[in-house]
Amino acid sequence: MVEEGGEAPDFELTSDAGERVSLSQFRGRPVVLYFYPRDDTPGCTAQACGIRDSYDEFGEHRAVVLGVSTDDESSHVKFKQKYGLPFTLLSDPDHEVAELYGVWKEKTYGGKKYWGVERSTFVIDEDGRVAKAMLRVKPDTHAEKVLAALAA
């Protein structure tokens, strides 16, 4: 499990632009690494659009925003275009990075159990350390809480 104050595990995933992206390439800038269950679902759309609507404020903190789900790149492209998302979406189809960060969890919906991403965000400082771990976040207040963590 990733803990506040600890080093954020590095990874490399494919972006919505088809490029390989690693966490370590952003050293020197804060990174908002947010995990979400699925593209174009109500909660995930509210979360992404909240970040989109506050994106200039994220920029004031020089923060890089990376959204991660198990959806593939083509799904990310459609989601990004549909809602005008200005940040990078990363594909984690085998949920390796979600597991690395401890957000791949057993969930229950409609009485059925399944495995999926627990909506969570990690604010990573310029030195690659986890400044804030936000687990089970609420989509509607997510952007404000992340901005507050960046300002702290």
N, C-alpha and C. Protein backbone atom coordinates (compact mmCIF):
# COMPACT_ATOMS: atom_id res chain seq x y z
N MET A 1 0.84 -1.19 0.00
CA MET A 1 0.00 0.00 0.00
C MET A 1 0.88 1.25 0.00
N VAL A 2 0.48 2.22 -0.77
CA VAL A 2 1.20 3.48 -0.86
C VAL A 2 0.82 4.35 0.32
N GLU A 3 1.80 4.92 0.97
CA GLU A 3 1.52 5.74 2.16
C GLU A 3 2.03 7.16 1.99
N GLU A 4 1.36 8.09 2.65
CA GLU A 4 1.80 9.48 2.63
C GLU A 4 3.21 9.58 3.20
N GLY A 5 4.03 10.37 2.53
CA GLY A 5 5.41 10.55 2.94
C GLY A 5 6.35 9.57 2.27
N GLY A 6 5.82 8.47 1.76
CA GLY A 6 6.64 7.48 1.09
C GLY A 6 6.85 7.83 -0.37
N GLU A 7 7.79 7.15 -0.99
CA GLU A 7 8.05 7.37 -2.40
C GLU A 7 6.91 6.77 -3.23
N ALA A 8 6.45 7.53 -4.21
CA ALA A 8 5.41 7.05 -5.11
C ALA A 8 6.02 6.03 -6.08
N PRO A 9 5.44 4.85 -6.18
CA PRO A 9 5.99 3.85 -7.11
C PRO A 9 5.96 4.36 -8.55
N ASP A 10 7.07 4.18 -9.23
CA ASP A 10 7.13 4.58 -10.64
C ASP A 10 6.41 3.53 -11.48
N PHE A 11 5.96 3.94 -12.65
CA PHE A 11 5.28 3.04 -13.57
C PHE A 11 5.40 3.62 -14.96
N GLU A 12 5.01 2.82 -15.94
CA GLU A 12 4.93 3.27 -17.33
C GLU A 12 3.65 2.69 -17.93
N LEU A 13 2.80 3.58 -18.47
CA LEU A 13 1.54 3.17 -19.10
C LEU A 13 1.39 3.90 -20.43
N THR A 14 0.46 3.45 -21.24
CA THR A 14 0.17 4.10 -22.52
C THR A 14 -0.91 5.15 -22.33
N SER A 15 -0.67 6.32 -22.92
CA SER A 15 -1.60 7.45 -22.80
C SER A 15 -2.67 7.41 -23.89
N ASP A 16 -3.63 8.31 -23.76
CA ASP A 16 -4.68 8.45 -24.77
C ASP A 16 -4.09 8.88 -26.11
N ALA A 17 -2.87 9.42 -26.12
CA ALA A 17 -2.20 9.81 -27.36
C ALA A 17 -1.34 8.68 -27.92
N GLY A 18 -1.37 7.50 -27.26
CA GLY A 18 -0.60 6.36 -27.73
C GLY A 18 0.86 6.39 -27.33
N GLU A 19 1.23 7.31 -26.44
CA GLU A 19 2.62 7.44 -25.99
C GLU A 19 2.82 6.73 -24.66
N ARG A 20 4.04 6.25 -24.43
CA ARG A 20 4.38 5.66 -23.14
C ARG A 20 4.69 6.80 -22.18
N VAL A 21 4.07 6.77 -21.02
CA VAL A 21 4.22 7.82 -20.01
C VAL A 21 4.65 7.16 -18.71
N SER A 22 5.69 7.73 -18.08
CA SER A 22 6.12 7.24 -16.78
C SER A 22 5.94 8.34 -15.75
N LEU A 23 5.72 7.94 -14.51
CA LEU A 23 5.59 8.93 -13.44
C LEU A 23 6.88 9.71 -13.28
N SER A 24 8.01 9.03 -13.36
CA SER A 24 9.30 9.67 -13.11
C SER A 24 9.63 10.77 -14.10
N GLN A 25 9.01 10.79 -15.27
CA GLN A 25 9.30 11.85 -16.24
C GLN A 25 8.79 13.21 -15.78
N PHE A 26 7.97 13.24 -14.73
CA PHE A 26 7.42 14.50 -14.23
C PHE A 26 8.12 15.00 -12.97
N ARG A 27 9.24 14.38 -12.59
CA ARG A 27 9.98 14.85 -11.42
C ARG A 27 10.25 16.34 -11.56
N GLY A 28 10.13 17.05 -10.45
CA GLY A 28 10.31 18.50 -10.47
C GLY A 28 8.99 19.24 -10.52
N ARG A 29 7.90 18.51 -10.73
CA ARG A 29 6.55 19.11 -10.73
C ARG A 29 5.63 18.24 -9.89
N PRO A 30 4.64 18.83 -9.24
CA PRO A 30 3.66 17.99 -8.55
C PRO A 30 2.80 17.24 -9.56
N VAL A 31 2.38 16.05 -9.16
CA VAL A 31 1.54 15.22 -10.02
C VAL A 31 0.28 14.83 -9.26
N VAL A 32 -0.86 14.99 -9.92
CA VAL A 32 -2.13 14.50 -9.39
C VAL A 32 -2.42 13.22 -10.17
N LEU A 33 -2.28 12.09 -9.47
CA LEU A 33 -2.50 10.78 -10.07
C LEU A 33 -3.84 10.28 -9.55
N TYR A 34 -4.84 10.28 -10.44
CA TYR A 34 -6.15 9.85 -9.96
C TYR A 34 -6.63 8.61 -10.70
N PHE A 35 -7.11 7.67 -9.92
CA PHE A 35 -7.63 6.40 -10.42
C PHE A 35 -9.15 6.47 -10.42
N TYR A 36 -9.75 6.04 -11.52
CA TYR A 36 -11.21 6.05 -11.62
C TYR A 36 -11.68 4.76 -12.29
N PRO A 37 -12.91 4.33 -12.01
CA PRO A 37 -13.37 3.03 -12.50
C PRO A 37 -13.54 2.90 -14.02
N ARG A 38 -14.27 3.82 -14.67
CA ARG A 38 -14.58 3.63 -16.10
C ARG A 38 -14.83 4.96 -16.79
N ASP A 39 -14.43 5.02 -18.05
CA ASP A 39 -14.73 6.20 -18.87
C ASP A 39 -16.24 6.35 -19.08
N ASP A 40 -16.66 7.60 -19.13
CA ASP A 40 -18.03 7.97 -19.54
C ASP A 40 -19.14 7.34 -18.71
N THR A 41 -18.89 7.17 -17.41
CA THR A 41 -19.94 6.77 -16.48
C THR A 41 -20.25 8.00 -15.63
N PRO A 42 -21.40 8.06 -14.97
CA PRO A 42 -21.80 9.30 -14.29
C PRO A 42 -20.78 9.83 -13.28
N GLY A 43 -20.32 8.99 -12.36
CA GLY A 43 -19.38 9.46 -11.35
C GLY A 43 -18.04 9.85 -11.94
N CYS A 44 -17.55 9.06 -12.86
CA CYS A 44 -16.25 9.32 -13.47
C CYS A 44 -16.30 10.57 -14.35
N THR A 45 -17.42 10.78 -15.01
CA THR A 45 -17.58 11.99 -15.82
C THR A 45 -17.63 13.22 -14.92
N ALA A 46 -18.37 13.16 -13.81
CA ALA A 46 -18.43 14.29 -12.88
C ALA A 46 -17.03 14.61 -12.34
N GLN A 47 -16.29 13.57 -12.00
CA GLN A 47 -14.94 13.75 -11.47
C GLN A 47 -14.03 14.40 -12.51
N ALA A 48 -14.02 13.87 -13.72
CA ALA A 48 -13.16 14.39 -14.78
C ALA A 48 -13.54 15.82 -15.16
N CYS A 49 -14.84 16.09 -15.25
CA CYS A 49 -15.27 17.44 -15.61
C CYS A 49 -14.99 18.44 -14.50
N GLY A 50 -15.00 18.00 -13.25
CA GLY A 50 -14.62 18.88 -12.15
C GLY A 50 -13.16 19.30 -12.26
N ILE A 51 -12.31 18.37 -12.63
CA ILE A 51 -10.90 18.70 -12.84
C ILE A 51 -10.78 19.62 -14.06
N ARG A 52 -11.47 19.28 -15.13
CA ARG A 52 -11.44 20.12 -16.34
C ARG A 52 -11.83 21.56 -16.02
N ASP A 53 -12.91 21.72 -15.25
CA ASP A 53 -13.41 23.05 -14.95
C ASP A 53 -12.47 23.85 -14.05
N SER A 54 -11.61 23.17 -13.32
CA SER A 54 -10.65 23.83 -12.42
C SER A 54 -9.22 23.73 -12.95
N TYR A 55 -9.07 23.33 -14.19
CA TYR A 55 -7.75 23.00 -14.73
C TYR A 55 -6.76 24.17 -14.65
N ASP A 56 -7.24 25.40 -14.84
CA ASP A 56 -6.35 26.56 -14.74
C ASP A 56 -5.75 26.66 -13.34
N GLU A 57 -6.55 26.32 -12.33
CA GLU A 57 -6.04 26.37 -10.95
C GLU A 57 -4.99 25.28 -10.72
N PHE A 58 -5.17 24.12 -11.33
CA PHE A 58 -4.15 23.08 -11.25
C PHE A 58 -2.86 23.60 -11.87
N GLY A 59 -3.00 24.32 -12.98
CA GLY A 59 -1.85 24.90 -13.67
C GLY A 59 -1.12 25.92 -12.82
N GLU A 60 -1.85 26.66 -11.99
CA GLU A 60 -1.23 27.65 -11.10
C GLU A 60 -0.28 26.97 -10.11
N HIS A 61 -0.54 25.70 -9.82
CA HIS A 61 0.33 24.92 -8.93
C HIS A 61 1.38 24.14 -9.73
N ARG A 62 1.41 24.34 -11.06
CA ARG A 62 2.32 23.62 -11.97
C ARG A 62 2.07 22.11 -11.96
N ALA A 63 0.88 21.69 -11.54
CA ALA A 63 0.57 20.27 -11.39
C ALA A 63 0.25 19.60 -12.72
N VAL A 64 0.78 18.40 -12.87
CA VAL A 64 0.44 17.52 -13.98
C VAL A 64 -0.70 16.63 -13.49
N VAL A 65 -1.75 16.51 -14.30
CA VAL A 65 -2.88 15.64 -13.93
C VAL A 65 -2.86 14.40 -14.83
N LEU A 66 -2.87 13.24 -14.19
CA LEU A 66 -2.91 11.96 -14.90
C LEU A 66 -4.08 11.14 -14.38
N GLY A 67 -5.03 10.82 -15.25
CA GLY A 67 -6.15 9.97 -14.89
C GLY A 67 -5.86 8.54 -15.35
N VAL A 68 -6.13 7.57 -14.49
CA VAL A 68 -5.83 6.16 -14.80
C VAL A 68 -7.08 5.30 -14.62
N SER A 69 -7.38 4.51 -15.64
CA SER A 69 -8.43 3.49 -15.52
C SER A 69 -8.00 2.27 -16.33
N THR A 70 -8.79 1.21 -16.24
CA THR A 70 -8.47 -0.01 -16.99
C THR A 70 -8.97 0.05 -18.42
N ASP A 71 -9.66 1.14 -18.80
CA ASP A 71 -10.14 1.28 -20.18
C ASP A 71 -8.96 1.40 -21.15
N ASP A 72 -9.20 1.03 -22.41
CA ASP A 72 -8.13 1.10 -23.40
C ASP A 72 -7.99 2.52 -23.97
N GLU A 73 -6.96 2.71 -24.78
CA GLU A 73 -6.66 4.05 -25.30
C GLU A 73 -7.80 4.61 -26.14
N SER A 74 -8.45 3.79 -26.95
CA SER A 74 -9.53 4.30 -27.81
C SER A 74 -10.71 4.79 -26.96
N SER A 75 -10.99 4.11 -25.88
CA SER A 75 -12.04 4.56 -24.96
C SER A 75 -11.66 5.90 -24.34
N HIS A 76 -10.39 6.03 -23.95
CA HIS A 76 -9.90 7.28 -23.38
C HIS A 76 -10.02 8.43 -24.38
N VAL A 77 -9.68 8.16 -25.63
CA VAL A 77 -9.75 9.21 -26.67
C VAL A 77 -11.19 9.71 -26.79
N LYS A 78 -12.15 8.79 -26.86
CA LYS A 78 -13.56 9.19 -26.98
C LYS A 78 -14.02 9.98 -25.76
N PHE A 79 -13.66 9.52 -24.58
CA PHE A 79 -14.04 10.19 -23.32
C PHE A 79 -13.44 11.59 -23.27
N LYS A 80 -12.17 11.69 -23.62
CA LYS A 80 -11.46 12.96 -23.58
C LYS A 80 -12.08 13.95 -24.58
N GLN A 81 -12.36 13.49 -25.79
CA GLN A 81 -12.94 14.36 -26.82
C GLN A 81 -14.37 14.77 -26.47
N LYS A 82 -15.15 13.83 -25.98
CA LYS A 82 -16.56 14.11 -25.67
C LYS A 82 -16.71 15.22 -24.64
N TYR A 83 -15.79 15.24 -23.65
CA TYR A 83 -15.92 16.20 -22.55
C TYR A 83 -14.84 17.28 -22.55
N GLY A 84 -14.01 17.32 -23.58
CA GLY A 84 -12.98 18.35 -23.68
C GLY A 84 -11.99 18.31 -22.52
N LEU A 85 -11.53 17.12 -22.18
CA LEU A 85 -10.62 16.97 -21.04
C LEU A 85 -9.21 17.39 -21.45
N PRO A 86 -8.59 18.34 -20.73
CA PRO A 86 -7.28 18.86 -21.13
C PRO A 86 -6.09 18.13 -20.52
N PHE A 87 -6.32 17.02 -19.86
CA PHE A 87 -5.23 16.31 -19.19
C PHE A 87 -5.11 14.90 -19.76
N THR A 88 -4.04 14.24 -19.41
CA THR A 88 -3.70 12.92 -19.95
C THR A 88 -4.45 11.80 -19.22
N LEU A 89 -4.96 10.87 -20.00
CA LEU A 89 -5.58 9.66 -19.47
C LEU A 89 -4.68 8.48 -19.82
N LEU A 90 -4.46 7.62 -18.84
CA LEU A 90 -3.57 6.47 -19.00
C LEU A 90 -4.35 5.16 -18.90
N SER A 91 -3.95 4.21 -19.73
CA SER A 91 -4.61 2.91 -19.76
C SER A 91 -3.84 1.89 -18.94
N ASP A 92 -4.53 1.27 -18.00
CA ASP A 92 -3.96 0.24 -17.11
C ASP A 92 -4.80 -1.04 -17.27
N PRO A 93 -4.79 -1.65 -18.47
CA PRO A 93 -5.72 -2.75 -18.76
C PRO A 93 -5.56 -3.98 -17.87
N ASP A 94 -4.37 -4.22 -17.39
CA ASP A 94 -4.14 -5.38 -16.53
C ASP A 94 -4.14 -5.00 -15.06
N HIS A 95 -4.57 -3.77 -14.77
CA HIS A 95 -4.68 -3.20 -13.42
C HIS A 95 -3.42 -3.34 -12.58
N GLU A 96 -2.26 -3.41 -13.25
CA GLU A 96 -0.99 -3.56 -12.52
C GLU A 96 -0.67 -2.33 -11.68
N VAL A 97 -0.90 -1.14 -12.25
CA VAL A 97 -0.60 0.08 -11.50
C VAL A 97 -1.64 0.30 -10.41
N ALA A 98 -2.90 -0.02 -10.69
CA ALA A 98 -3.94 0.07 -9.65
C ALA A 98 -3.58 -0.83 -8.48
N GLU A 99 -3.07 -2.02 -8.76
CA GLU A 99 -2.66 -2.93 -7.70
C GLU A 99 -1.44 -2.38 -6.95
N LEU A 100 -0.50 -1.83 -7.70
CA LEU A 100 0.71 -1.26 -7.11
C LEU A 100 0.35 -0.16 -6.10
N TYR A 101 -0.67 0.62 -6.42
CA TYR A 101 -1.10 1.72 -5.54
C TYR A 101 -2.16 1.29 -4.53
N GLY A 102 -2.56 0.03 -4.56
CA GLY A 102 -3.50 -0.49 -3.58
C GLY A 102 -4.94 -0.08 -3.79
N VAL A 103 -5.32 0.23 -5.04
CA VAL A 103 -6.69 0.68 -5.30
C VAL A 103 -7.49 -0.32 -6.14
N TRP A 104 -6.93 -1.51 -6.39
CA TRP A 104 -7.67 -2.58 -7.06
C TRP A 104 -8.32 -3.39 -5.95
N LYS A 105 -9.64 -3.27 -5.82
CA LYS A 105 -10.35 -3.81 -4.66
C LYS A 105 -11.54 -4.67 -5.07
N GLU A 106 -11.92 -5.54 -4.15
CA GLU A 106 -13.17 -6.28 -4.33
C GLU A 106 -14.30 -5.34 -3.97
N LYS A 107 -15.30 -5.27 -4.85
CA LYS A 107 -16.43 -4.37 -4.67
C LYS A 107 -17.73 -5.17 -4.75
N THR A 108 -18.80 -4.55 -4.31
CA THR A 108 -20.11 -5.18 -4.39
C THR A 108 -21.09 -4.19 -5.01
N TYR A 109 -21.84 -4.67 -5.99
CA TYR A 109 -22.88 -3.84 -6.61
C TYR A 109 -24.04 -4.75 -6.96
N GLY A 110 -25.22 -4.37 -6.51
CA GLY A 110 -26.40 -5.18 -6.79
C GLY A 110 -26.31 -6.58 -6.23
N GLY A 111 -25.61 -6.72 -5.10
CA GLY A 111 -25.47 -8.01 -4.46
C GLY A 111 -24.40 -8.91 -5.07
N LYS A 112 -23.74 -8.42 -6.11
CA LYS A 112 -22.69 -9.21 -6.76
C LYS A 112 -21.32 -8.65 -6.45
N LYS A 113 -20.38 -9.54 -6.23
CA LYS A 113 -19.00 -9.13 -5.95
C LYS A 113 -18.19 -9.15 -7.24
N TYR A 114 -17.30 -8.19 -7.36
CA TYR A 114 -16.41 -8.12 -8.52
C TYR A 114 -15.19 -7.30 -8.12
N TRP A 115 -14.16 -7.33 -8.95
CA TRP A 115 -12.95 -6.56 -8.70
C TRP A 115 -12.94 -5.34 -9.60
N GLY A 116 -12.51 -4.21 -9.03
CA GLY A 116 -12.44 -2.97 -9.81
C GLY A 116 -11.63 -1.92 -9.10
N VAL A 117 -11.50 -0.79 -9.75
CA VAL A 117 -10.74 0.34 -9.22
C VAL A 117 -11.56 1.08 -8.18
N GLU A 118 -10.95 1.31 -7.03
CA GLU A 118 -11.56 2.17 -6.01
C GLU A 118 -11.11 3.59 -6.31
N ARG A 119 -12.08 4.47 -6.52
CA ARG A 119 -11.79 5.86 -6.88
C ARG A 119 -10.86 6.48 -5.83
N SER A 120 -9.64 6.79 -6.24
CA SER A 120 -8.62 7.27 -5.30
C SER A 120 -7.67 8.23 -6.01
N THR A 121 -7.07 9.12 -5.24
CA THR A 121 -6.14 10.11 -5.80
C THR A 121 -4.90 10.21 -4.94
N PHE A 122 -3.78 10.35 -5.60
CA PHE A 122 -2.50 10.54 -4.92
C PHE A 122 -1.89 11.84 -5.43
N VAL A 123 -1.61 12.75 -4.50
CA VAL A 123 -0.91 13.98 -4.85
C VAL A 123 0.56 13.70 -4.56
N ILE A 124 1.36 13.79 -5.59
CA ILE A 124 2.78 13.45 -5.51
C ILE A 124 3.59 14.73 -5.65
N ASP A 125 4.52 14.96 -4.72
CA ASP A 125 5.28 16.20 -4.74
C ASP A 125 6.39 16.17 -5.79
N GLU A 126 7.10 17.29 -5.89
CA GLU A 126 8.14 17.47 -6.91
C GLU A 126 9.27 16.44 -6.78
N ASP A 127 9.44 15.89 -5.57
CA ASP A 127 10.51 14.92 -5.33
C ASP A 127 10.05 13.47 -5.49
N GLY A 128 8.80 13.28 -5.90
CA GLY A 128 8.30 11.93 -6.12
C GLY A 128 7.75 11.25 -4.88
N ARG A 129 7.46 12.03 -3.85
CA ARG A 129 6.89 11.48 -2.61
C ARG A 129 5.38 11.75 -2.57
N VAL A 130 4.66 10.83 -1.93
CA VAL A 130 3.21 10.98 -1.81
C VAL A 130 2.92 12.02 -0.73
N ALA A 131 2.44 13.18 -1.16
CA ALA A 131 2.11 14.25 -0.23
C ALA A 131 0.73 14.02 0.38
N LYS A 132 -0.18 13.44 -0.40
CA LYS A 132 -1.54 13.20 0.08
C LYS A 132 -2.12 11.98 -0.63
N ALA A 133 -2.67 11.07 0.14
CA ALA A 133 -3.39 9.91 -0.40
C ALA A 133 -4.86 10.09 -0.06
N MET A 134 -5.69 10.13 -1.08
CA MET A 134 -7.13 10.34 -0.90
C MET A 134 -7.84 9.10 -1.44
N LEU A 135 -8.38 8.30 -0.51
CA LEU A 135 -9.03 7.05 -0.89
C LEU A 135 -10.55 7.19 -0.85
N ARG A 136 -11.21 6.43 -1.73
CA ARG A 136 -12.68 6.46 -1.81
C ARG A 136 -13.21 7.90 -1.94
N VAL A 137 -12.67 8.65 -2.88
CA VAL A 137 -13.05 10.05 -3.03
C VAL A 137 -14.45 10.18 -3.63
N LYS A 138 -15.08 11.29 -3.35
CA LYS A 138 -16.39 11.62 -3.90
C LYS A 138 -16.19 12.44 -5.18
N PRO A 139 -16.80 12.04 -6.28
CA PRO A 139 -16.57 12.73 -7.55
C PRO A 139 -16.91 14.22 -7.52
N ASP A 140 -18.00 14.58 -6.83
CA ASP A 140 -18.48 15.96 -6.88
C ASP A 140 -17.58 16.96 -6.18
N THR A 141 -16.81 16.53 -5.17
CA THR A 141 -15.96 17.45 -4.42
C THR A 141 -14.47 17.17 -4.66
N HIS A 142 -14.19 16.27 -5.56
CA HIS A 142 -12.83 15.81 -5.79
C HIS A 142 -11.87 16.95 -6.15
N ALA A 143 -12.21 17.74 -7.16
CA ALA A 143 -11.30 18.78 -7.63
C ALA A 143 -10.94 19.77 -6.53
N GLU A 144 -11.93 20.20 -5.75
CA GLU A 144 -11.65 21.17 -4.67
C GLU A 144 -10.72 20.58 -3.62
N LYS A 145 -10.93 19.32 -3.28
CA LYS A 145 -10.09 18.69 -2.25
C LYS A 145 -8.66 18.50 -2.76
N VAL A 146 -8.51 18.16 -4.02
CA VAL A 146 -7.17 18.01 -4.57
C VAL A 146 -6.46 19.36 -4.63
N LEU A 147 -7.17 20.40 -5.04
CA LEU A 147 -6.57 21.74 -5.06
C LEU A 147 -6.14 22.18 -3.66
N ALA A 148 -6.94 21.86 -2.66
CA ALA A 148 -6.57 22.18 -1.29
C ALA A 148 -5.30 21.43 -0.88
N ALA A 149 -5.17 20.17 -1.30
CA ALA A 149 -3.97 19.40 -0.98
C ALA A 149 -2.75 19.97 -1.69
N LEU A 150 -2.92 20.46 -2.92
CA LEU A 150 -1.81 21.07 -3.64
C LEU A 150 -1.36 22.37 -2.97
N ALA A 151 -2.30 23.09 -2.40
CA ALA A 151 -2.00 24.37 -1.75
C ALA A 151 -1.36 24.21 -0.39
N ALA A 152 -1.52 23.03 0.21
CA ALA A 152 -1.01 22.81 1.58
C ALA A 152 0.50 22.76 1.64
